[in-house]
Protein backbone atom coordinates (compact mmCIF):
# COMPACT_ATOMS: atom_id res chain seq x y z
CA MET A 1 7.65 -29.71 1.30
CA LYS A 2 4.17 -28.66 2.42
CA PHE A 3 2.01 -26.55 0.09
CA ASN A 4 0.49 -23.53 1.83
CA LYS A 5 -2.63 -22.17 0.13
CA ARG A 6 -2.75 -19.11 2.37
CA LEU A 7 0.80 -18.12 1.41
CA LEU A 8 -0.03 -18.59 -2.27
CA PHE A 9 -3.11 -16.37 -1.89
CA VAL A 10 -1.06 -13.69 -0.11
CA TRP A 11 1.62 -13.74 -2.82
CA MET A 12 -1.03 -13.52 -5.54
CA THR A 13 -2.67 -10.59 -3.75
CA LEU A 14 0.65 -8.75 -3.43
CA ALA A 15 1.40 -9.42 -7.09
CA ALA A 16 -2.06 -8.15 -8.11
CA LEU A 17 -1.56 -4.98 -6.09
CA THR A 18 1.81 -4.45 -7.75
CA LEU A 19 0.23 -4.91 -11.18
CA ALA A 20 -2.51 -2.45 -10.19
CA TYR A 21 0.17 0.07 -9.27
CA LEU A 22 1.92 -0.46 -12.60
CA TRP A 23 -1.38 -0.01 -14.46
CA ILE A 24 -2.08 3.24 -12.57
CA ASP A 25 1.46 4.43 -13.21
CA HIS A 26 1.21 3.61 -16.91
CA SER A 27 -2.16 5.37 -17.21
CA ALA A 28 -0.64 8.55 -15.73
CA ASP A 29 1.83 8.72 -18.65
CA HIS A 30 0.32 10.70 -21.54
CA ALA A 31 2.30 11.26 -24.73
CA GLY A 32 5.63 10.57 -23.09
CA SER A 33 5.26 13.11 -20.29
CA LEU A 34 4.38 12.11 -16.77
CA LYS A 35 1.30 13.80 -15.41
CA SER A 36 0.46 13.05 -11.83
CA SER A 37 -2.86 13.74 -10.21
CA ALA A 38 -4.25 13.57 -6.71
CA VAL A 39 -6.19 10.43 -7.60
CA VAL A 40 -3.10 8.67 -8.94
CA THR A 41 -0.93 9.65 -5.99
CA SER A 42 -3.61 8.78 -3.41
CA SER A 43 -4.21 5.43 -5.10
CA VAL A 44 -0.53 4.56 -5.11
CA ILE A 45 -0.17 5.48 -1.44
CA ALA A 46 -3.25 3.42 -0.56
CA ILE A 47 -1.92 0.41 -2.48
CA ALA A 48 1.43 0.71 -0.70
CA LEU A 49 -0.28 0.87 2.70
CA VAL A 50 -2.39 -2.20 1.95
CA LYS A 51 0.75 -4.07 0.91
CA VAL A 52 2.55 -3.01 4.11
CA ARG A 53 -0.35 -4.23 6.23
CA ILE A 54 -0.43 -7.57 4.42
CA ILE A 55 3.33 -7.97 4.90
CA PHE A 56 3.01 -7.10 8.60
CA ARG A 57 0.25 -9.65 9.08
CA GLU A 58 1.50 -12.53 6.98
CA PHE A 59 5.28 -12.33 6.83
CA MET A 60 6.10 -10.70 10.14
CA GLU A 61 3.72 -13.03 12.00
CA VAL A 62 1.65 -10.19 13.47
CA ARG A 63 -1.52 -12.13 12.62
CA SER A 64 -0.86 -14.51 15.53
CA ALA A 65 0.64 -11.86 17.84
CA PRO A 66 -1.11 -10.35 20.86
CA VAL A 67 -3.98 -7.99 20.09
CA LEU A 68 -2.00 -4.95 21.27
CA LEU A 69 0.71 -5.55 18.68
CA CYS A 70 -1.92 -6.01 15.96
CA ARG A 71 -3.52 -2.70 16.89
CA LEU A 72 -0.18 -0.91 17.12
CA THR A 73 0.85 -2.04 13.63
CA ASP A 74 -2.55 -1.00 12.27
CA ALA A 75 -2.15 2.38 13.99
CA TRP A 76 1.34 2.73 12.47
CA VAL A 77 -0.02 2.06 8.98
CA ALA A 78 -2.82 4.60 9.55
CA LEU A 79 -0.39 7.20 10.92
CA ILE A 80 1.96 6.79 7.96
CA GLY A 81 -1.01 6.99 5.56
CA VAL A 82 -2.34 10.18 7.13
CA SER A 83 1.16 11.67 7.20
CA LEU A 84 1.91 10.89 3.55
CA LEU A 85 -1.45 12.04 2.26
CA GLY A 86 -1.39 15.10 4.51
CA CYS A 87 2.06 16.13 3.30
CA TYR A 88 1.03 15.59 -0.30
CA PHE A 89 -2.19 17.61 -0.10
CA ILE A 90 -0.65 20.40 2.00
CA GLY A 91 2.23 20.57 -0.48
CA MET A 92 -0.26 20.86 -3.34
CA GLN A 93 -1.94 23.79 -1.62
CA LEU A 94 1.35 25.55 -0.94
CA ARG A 95 2.55 25.09 -4.49
């Protein structure tokens, strides 16, 4: 079996991002009651989007795909990010 350093680095990066999410989630919990903030929610969405992009590139083989597909997947990630953050912030204003 061949050892792939790039794959190891990608897995370590995804694990670190997951741990960062857990740290952010744990820090939002004060005295047993969950208290969310715009910073926490935005950070979690950003971490999720970074993880999705890494998975697209490394595990769905988009890294070696034609440039158009690379740009389309990047545009999809950006569109989802804008949509999620937009819905969150508009919902905060309407609340």
